[in-house]
Amino acid sequence: MAAKEVIAWQLDQAMKDRNISKTKLAELMHTSRTQVRRMLDPKDGNVTIETLQRAAGVVGRKVRLELV
């Protein structure tokens, strides 16, 4: 599983844990619900790390990438 897919799944879980809808996340990120839907789609590869980091911050999480 690719890193983006894992992060998208974790974001979705964090949203559920905090009762944050896609619409609310879009509002908090100052973007559209469509953009949030694309970001959470594990098949959409056009999402930047910066966008994922912004979304993670909104749900109280951080994105950490490591090369080991």
PDB file of N, CA and C in Angstrom:
ATOM      1  N   MET A   1       0.852  -1.181   0.000  1.00  0.00           N
ATOM      2  CA  MET A   1       0.000   0.000   0.000  1.00  0.00           C
ATOM      3  C   MET A   1       0.897   1.243   0.000  1.00  0.00           C
ATOM      4  N   ALA A   2       0.579   2.190  -0.845  1.00  0.00           N
ATOM      5  CA  ALA A   2       1.366   3.417  -0.964  1.00  0.00           C
ATOM      6  C   ALA A   2       1.128   4.331   0.236  1.00  0.00           C
ATOM      7  N   ALA A   3       2.117   5.170   0.505  1.00  0.00           N
ATOM      8  CA  ALA A   3       2.038   6.074   1.656  1.00  0.00           C
ATOM      9  C   ALA A   3       0.804   6.962   1.593  1.00  0.00           C
ATOM     10  N   LYS A   4       0.466   7.468   0.404  1.00  0.00           N
ATOM     11  CA  LYS A   4      -0.698   8.350   0.260  1.00  0.00           C
ATOM     12  C   LYS A   4      -1.970   7.618   0.644  1.00  0.00           C
ATOM     13  N   GLU A   5      -2.075   6.352   0.249  1.00  0.00           N
ATOM     14  CA  GLU A   5      -3.266   5.572   0.588  1.00  0.00           C
ATOM     15  C   GLU A   5      -3.393   5.402   2.098  1.00  0.00           C
ATOM     16  N   VAL A   6      -2.280   5.141   2.746  1.00  0.00           N
ATOM     17  CA  VAL A   6      -2.280   4.962   4.203  1.00  0.00           C
ATOM     18  C   VAL A   6      -2.668   6.261   4.894  1.00  0.00           C
ATOM     19  N   ILE A   7      -2.069   7.369   4.459  1.00  0.00           N
ATOM     20  CA  ILE A   7      -2.365   8.664   5.074  1.00  0.00           C
ATOM     21  C   ILE A   7      -3.825   9.041   4.848  1.00  0.00           C
ATOM     22  N   ALA A   8      -4.345   8.805   3.647  1.00  0.00           N
ATOM     23  CA  ALA A   8      -5.752   9.108   3.360  1.00  0.00           C
ATOM     24  C   ALA A   8      -6.665   8.297   4.277  1.00  0.00           C
ATOM     25  N   TRP A   9      -6.361   7.017   4.466  1.00  0.00           N
ATOM     26  CA  TRP A   9      -7.167   6.172   5.345  1.00  0.00           C
ATOM     27  C   TRP A   9      -7.089   6.682   6.787  1.00  0.00           C
ATOM     28  N   GLN A  10      -5.882   7.043   7.234  1.00  0.00           N
ATOM     29  CA  GLN A  10      -5.718   7.543   8.597  1.00  0.00           C
ATOM     30  C   GLN A  10      -6.441   8.871   8.799  1.00  0.00           C
ATOM     31  N   LEU A  11      -6.407   9.733   7.791  1.00  0.00           N
ATOM     32  CA  LEU A  11      -7.154  10.997   7.879  1.00  0.00           C
ATOM     33  C   LEU A  11      -8.648  10.725   8.004  1.00  0.00           C
ATOM     34  N   ASP A  12      -9.140   9.804   7.203  1.00  0.00           N
ATOM     35  CA  ASP A  12     -10.561   9.457   7.257  1.00  0.00           C
ATOM     36  C   ASP A  12     -10.927   8.944   8.647  1.00  0.00           C
ATOM     37  N   GLN A  13     -10.086   8.104   9.227  1.00  0.00           N
ATOM     38  CA  GLN A  13     -10.337   7.586  10.574  1.00  0.00           C
ATOM     39  C   GLN A  13     -10.296   8.702  11.614  1.00  0.00           C
ATOM     40  N   ALA A  14      -9.323   9.609  11.498  1.00  0.00           N
ATOM     41  CA  ALA A  14      -9.225  10.732  12.439  1.00  0.00           C
ATOM     42  C   ALA A  14     -10.451  11.628  12.333  1.00  0.00           C
ATOM     43  N   MET A  15     -10.954  11.825  11.121  1.00  0.00           N
ATOM     44  CA  MET A  15     -12.168  12.621  10.932  1.00  0.00           C
ATOM     45  C   MET A  15     -13.344  11.953  11.637  1.00  0.00           C
ATOM     46  N   LYS A  16     -13.467  10.644  11.481  1.00  0.00           N
ATOM     47  CA  LYS A  16     -14.561   9.916  12.136  1.00  0.00           C
ATOM     48  C   LYS A  16     -14.434  10.010  13.655  1.00  0.00           C
ATOM     49  N   ASP A  17     -13.207   9.853  14.162  1.00  0.00           N
ATOM     50  CA  ASP A  17     -12.977   9.929  15.614  1.00  0.00           C
ATOM     51  C   ASP A  17     -13.386  11.283  16.177  1.00  0.00           C
ATOM     52  N   ARG A  18     -13.199  12.337  15.400  1.00  0.00           N
ATOM     53  CA  ARG A  18     -13.487  13.700  15.857  1.00  0.00           C
ATOM     54  C   ARG A  18     -14.826  14.230  15.326  1.00  0.00           C
ATOM     55  N   ASN A  19     -15.593  13.357  14.669  1.00  0.00           N
ATOM     56  CA  ASN A  19     -16.891  13.738  14.095  1.00  0.00           C
ATOM     57  C   ASN A  19     -16.774  14.944  13.166  1.00  0.00           C
ATOM     58  N   ILE A  20     -15.755  14.921  12.308  1.00  0.00           N
ATOM     59  CA  ILE A  20     -15.556  15.983  11.323  1.00  0.00           C
ATOM     60  C   ILE A  20     -15.982  15.448   9.961  1.00  0.00           C
ATOM     61  N   SER A  21     -16.974  16.087   9.379  1.00  0.00           N
ATOM     62  CA  SER A  21     -17.444  15.677   8.055  1.00  0.00           C
ATOM     63  C   SER A  21     -16.509  16.215   6.976  1.00  0.00           C
ATOM     64  N   LYS A  22     -16.666  15.707   5.770  1.00  0.00           N
ATOM     65  CA  LYS A  22     -15.881  16.219   4.639  1.00  0.00           C
ATOM     66  C   LYS A  22     -16.196  17.693   4.400  1.00  0.00           C
ATOM     67  N   THR A  23     -17.451  18.048   4.573  1.00  0.00           N
ATOM     68  CA  THR A  23     -17.852  19.447   4.402  1.00  0.00           C
ATOM     69  C   THR A  23     -17.174  20.331   5.441  1.00  0.00           C
ATOM     70  N   LYS A  24     -17.164  19.885   6.692  1.00  0.00           N
ATOM     71  CA  LYS A  24     -16.526  20.660   7.760  1.00  0.00           C
ATOM     72  C   LYS A  24     -15.018  20.754   7.538  1.00  0.00           C
ATOM     73  N   LEU A  25     -14.390  19.652   7.135  1.00  0.00           N
ATOM     74  CA  LEU A  25     -12.953  19.676   6.863  1.00  0.00           C
ATOM     75  C   LEU A  25     -12.651  20.662   5.743  1.00  0.00           C
ATOM     76  N   ALA A  26     -13.481  20.668   4.716  1.00  0.00           N
ATOM     77  CA  ALA A  26     -13.295  21.615   3.611  1.00  0.00           C
ATOM     78  C   ALA A  26     -13.369  23.048   4.118  1.00  0.00           C
ATOM     79  N   GLU A  27     -14.344  23.332   4.970  1.00  0.00           N
ATOM     80  CA  GLU A  27     -14.469  24.681   5.542  1.00  0.00           C
ATOM     81  C   GLU A  27     -13.224  25.050   6.340  1.00  0.00           C
ATOM     82  N   LEU A  28     -12.762  24.136   7.176  1.00  0.00           N
ATOM     83  CA  LEU A  28     -11.601  24.399   8.023  1.00  0.00           C
ATOM     84  C   LEU A  28     -10.312  24.562   7.216  1.00  0.00           C
ATOM     85  N   MET A  29     -10.254  23.899   6.062  1.00  0.00           N
ATOM     86  CA  MET A  29      -9.073  23.996   5.192  1.00  0.00           C
ATOM     87  C   MET A  29      -9.206  25.114   4.161  1.00  0.00           C
ATOM     88  N   HIS A  30     -10.356  25.779   4.137  1.00  0.00           N
ATOM     89  CA  HIS A  30     -10.634  26.832   3.150  1.00  0.00           C
ATOM     90  C   HIS A  30     -10.508  26.296   1.724  1.00  0.00           C
ATOM     91  N   THR A  31     -11.178  25.178   1.490  1.00  0.00           N
ATOM     92  CA  THR A  31     -11.182  24.553   0.171  1.00  0.00           C
ATOM     93  C   THR A  31     -12.565  23.974  -0.079  1.00  0.00           C
ATOM     94  N   SER A  32     -12.739  23.296  -1.187  1.00  0.00           N
ATOM     95  CA  SER A  32     -14.049  22.739  -1.528  1.00  0.00           C
ATOM     96  C   SER A  32     -14.181  21.301  -1.022  1.00  0.00           C
ATOM     97  N   ARG A  33     -15.421  20.870  -0.894  1.00  0.00           N
ATOM     98  CA  ARG A  33     -15.685  19.490  -0.494  1.00  0.00           C
ATOM     99  C   ARG A  33     -15.150  18.536  -1.551  1.00  0.00           C
ATOM    100  N   THR A  34     -15.212  18.946  -2.816  1.00  0.00           N
ATOM    101  CA  THR A  34     -14.689  18.124  -3.910  1.00  0.00           C
ATOM    102  C   THR A  34     -13.195  17.886  -3.732  1.00  0.00           C
ATOM    103  N   GLN A  35     -12.460  18.926  -3.347  1.00  0.00           N
ATOM    104  CA  GLN A  35     -11.019  18.775  -3.126  1.00  0.00           C
ATOM    105  C   GLN A  35     -10.745  17.821  -1.959  1.00  0.00           C
ATOM    106  N   VAL A  36     -11.554  17.895  -0.922  1.00  0.00           N
ATOM    107  CA  VAL A  36     -11.388  16.987   0.217  1.00  0.00           C
ATOM    108  C   VAL A  36     -11.688  15.560  -0.224  1.00  0.00           C
ATOM    109  N   ARG A  37     -12.734  15.383  -0.999  1.00  0.00           N
ATOM    110  CA  ARG A  37     -13.069  14.045  -1.504  1.00  0.00           C
ATOM    111  C   ARG A  37     -11.904  13.476  -2.308  1.00  0.00           C
ATOM    112  N   ARG A  38     -11.319  14.294  -3.171  1.00  0.00           N
ATOM    113  CA  ARG A  38     -10.167  13.845  -3.970  1.00  0.00           C
ATOM    114  C   ARG A  38      -8.978  13.497  -3.079  1.00  0.00           C
ATOM    115  N   MET A  39      -8.755  14.321  -2.072  1.00  0.00           N
ATOM    116  CA  MET A  39      -7.634  14.096  -1.165  1.00  0.00           C
ATOM    117  C   MET A  39      -7.778  12.760  -0.436  1.00  0.00           C
ATOM    118  N   LEU A  40      -8.998  12.414  -0.067  1.00  0.00           N
ATOM    119  CA  LEU A  40      -9.240  11.179   0.674  1.00  0.00           C
ATOM    120  C   LEU A  40      -9.378   9.955  -0.224  1.00  0.00           C
ATOM    121  N   ASP A  41      -9.398  10.167  -1.538  1.00  0.00           N
ATOM    122  CA  ASP A  41      -9.508   9.058  -2.487  1.00  0.00           C
ATOM    123  C   ASP A  41      -8.137   8.406  -2.646  1.00  0.00           C
ATOM    124  N   PRO A  42      -7.983   7.160  -2.195  1.00  0.00           N
ATOM    125  CA  PRO A  42      -6.674   6.517  -2.270  1.00  0.00           C
ATOM    126  C   PRO A  42      -6.174   6.313  -3.701  1.00  0.00           C
ATOM    127  N   LYS A  43      -7.064   6.380  -4.669  1.00  0.00           N
ATOM    128  CA  LYS A  43      -6.679   6.184  -6.070  1.00  0.00           C
ATOM    129  C   LYS A  43      -6.232   7.480  -6.749  1.00  0.00           C
ATOM    130  N   ASP A  44      -6.487   8.619  -6.126  1.00  0.00           N
ATOM    131  CA  ASP A  44      -6.128   9.913  -6.714  1.00  0.00           C
ATOM    132  C   ASP A  44      -4.704  10.266  -6.283  1.00  0.00           C
ATOM    133  N   GLY A  45      -3.796  10.257  -7.226  1.00  0.00           N
ATOM    134  CA  GLY A  45      -2.396  10.507  -6.907  1.00  0.00           C
ATOM    135  C   GLY A  45      -1.972  11.953  -7.017  1.00  0.00           C
ATOM    136  N   ASN A  46      -2.904  12.867  -7.234  1.00  0.00           N
ATOM    137  CA  ASN A  46      -2.562  14.273  -7.450  1.00  0.00           C
ATOM    138  C   ASN A  46      -2.647  15.124  -6.191  1.00  0.00           C
ATOM    139  N   VAL A  47      -2.378  14.530  -5.057  1.00  0.00           N
ATOM    140  CA  VAL A  47      -2.443  15.261  -3.792  1.00  0.00           C
ATOM    141  C   VAL A  47      -1.021  15.468  -3.281  1.00  0.00           C
ATOM    142  N   THR A  48      -0.723  16.685  -2.865  1.00  0.00           N
ATOM    143  CA  THR A  48       0.627  16.973  -2.373  1.00  0.00           C
ATOM    144  C   THR A  48       0.762  16.628  -0.892  1.00  0.00           C
ATOM    145  N   ILE A  49       1.993  16.436  -0.482  1.00  0.00           N
ATOM    146  CA  ILE A  49       2.276  16.198   0.934  1.00  0.00           C
ATOM    147  C   ILE A  49       1.825  17.395   1.762  1.00  0.00           C
ATOM    148  N   GLU A  50       2.001  18.591   1.219  1.00  0.00           N
ATOM    149  CA  GLU A  50       1.598  19.799   1.937  1.00  0.00           C
ATOM    150  C   GLU A  50       0.097  19.799   2.227  1.00  0.00           C
ATOM    151  N   THR A  51      -0.695  19.373   1.254  1.00  0.00           N
ATOM    152  CA  THR A  51      -2.146  19.305   1.447  1.00  0.00           C
ATOM    153  C   THR A  51      -2.488  18.286   2.526  1.00  0.00           C
ATOM    154  N   LEU A  52      -1.840  17.139   2.484  1.00  0.00           N
ATOM    155  CA  LEU A  52      -2.078  16.114   3.496  1.00  0.00           C
ATOM    156  C   LEU A  52      -1.665  16.616   4.878  1.00  0.00           C
ATOM    157  N   GLN A  53      -0.579  17.372   4.944  1.00  0.00           N
ATOM    158  CA  GLN A  53      -0.145  17.941   6.222  1.00  0.00           C
ATOM    159  C   GLN A  53      -1.161  18.945   6.752  1.00  0.00           C
ATOM    160  N   ARG A  54      -1.702  19.780   5.874  1.00  0.00           N
ATOM    161  CA  ARG A  54      -2.728  20.749   6.299  1.00  0.00           C
ATOM    162  C   ARG A  54      -3.938  20.029   6.862  1.00  0.00           C
ATOM    163  N   ALA A  55      -4.396  19.005   6.149  1.00  0.00           N
ATOM    164  CA  ALA A  55      -5.568  18.250   6.600  1.00  0.00           C
ATOM    165  C   ALA A  55      -5.281  17.572   7.932  1.00  0.00           C
ATOM    166  N   ALA A  56      -4.104  17.004   8.064  1.00  0.00           N
ATOM    167  CA  ALA A  56      -3.735  16.343   9.319  1.00  0.00           C
ATOM    168  C   ALA A  56      -3.755  17.338  10.475  1.00  0.00           C
ATOM    169  N   GLY A  57      -3.246  18.533  10.241  1.00  0.00           N
ATOM    170  CA  GLY A  57      -3.254  19.561  11.281  1.00  0.00           C
ATOM    171  C   GLY A  57      -4.654  19.927  11.723  1.00  0.00           C
ATOM    172  N   VAL A  58      -5.572  19.978  10.781  1.00  0.00           N
ATOM    173  CA  VAL A  58      -6.965  20.322  11.094  1.00  0.00           C
ATOM    174  C   VAL A  58      -7.600  19.275  12.004  1.00  0.00           C
ATOM    175  N   VAL A  59      -7.230  18.000  11.816  1.00  0.00           N
ATOM    176  CA  VAL A  59      -7.814  16.944  12.651  1.00  0.00           C
ATOM    177  C   VAL A  59      -6.924  16.613  13.855  1.00  0.00           C
ATOM    178  N   GLY A  60      -5.938  17.485  14.119  1.00  0.00           N
ATOM    179  CA  GLY A  60      -5.108  17.320  15.306  1.00  0.00           C
ATOM    180  C   GLY A  60      -4.014  16.278  15.183  1.00  0.00           C
ATOM    181  N   ARG A  61      -3.604  15.981  13.980  1.00  0.00           N
ATOM    182  CA  ARG A  61      -2.556  14.981  13.745  1.00  0.00           C
ATOM    183  C   ARG A  61      -1.411  15.600  12.964  1.00  0.00           C
ATOM    184  N   LYS A  62      -0.334  14.849  12.792  1.00  0.00           N
ATOM    185  CA  LYS A  62       0.823  15.269  12.003  1.00  0.00           C
ATOM    186  C   LYS A  62       1.145  14.179  10.990  1.00  0.00           C
ATOM    187  N   VAL A  63       1.734  14.578   9.876  1.00  0.00           N
ATOM    188  CA  VAL A  63       2.240  13.619   8.900  1.00  0.00           C
ATOM    189  C   VAL A  63       3.742  13.525   9.118  1.00  0.00           C
ATOM    190  N   ARG A  64       4.223  12.309   9.251  1.00  0.00           N
ATOM    191  CA  ARG A  64       5.661  12.091   9.421  1.00  0.00           C
ATOM    192  C   ARG A  64       6.116  11.073   8.381  1.00  0.00           C
ATOM    193  N   LEU A  65       7.040  11.500   7.542  1.00  0.00           N
ATOM    194  CA  LEU A  65       7.617  10.608   6.543  1.00  0.00           C
ATOM    195  C   LEU A  65       9.044  10.296   6.955  1.00  0.00           C
ATOM    196  N   GLU A  66       9.427   9.041   6.832  1.00  0.00           N
ATOM    197  CA  GLU A  66      10.771   8.643   7.221  1.00  0.00           C
ATOM    198  C   GLU A  66      11.397   7.798   6.128  1.00  0.00           C
ATOM    199  N   LEU A  67      12.676   7.984   5.957  1.00  0.00           N
ATOM    200  CA  LEU A  67      13.457   7.133   5.083  1.00  0.00           C
ATOM    201  C   LEU A  67      14.370   6.329   5.988  1.00  0.00           C
ATOM    202  N   VAL A  68      14.170   5.029   6.022  1.00  0.00           N
ATOM    203  CA  VAL A  68      14.971   4.199   6.925  1.00  0.00           C
ATOM    204  C   VAL A  68      15.768   3.179   6.147  1.00  0.00           C
TER     205      VAL A  68
END
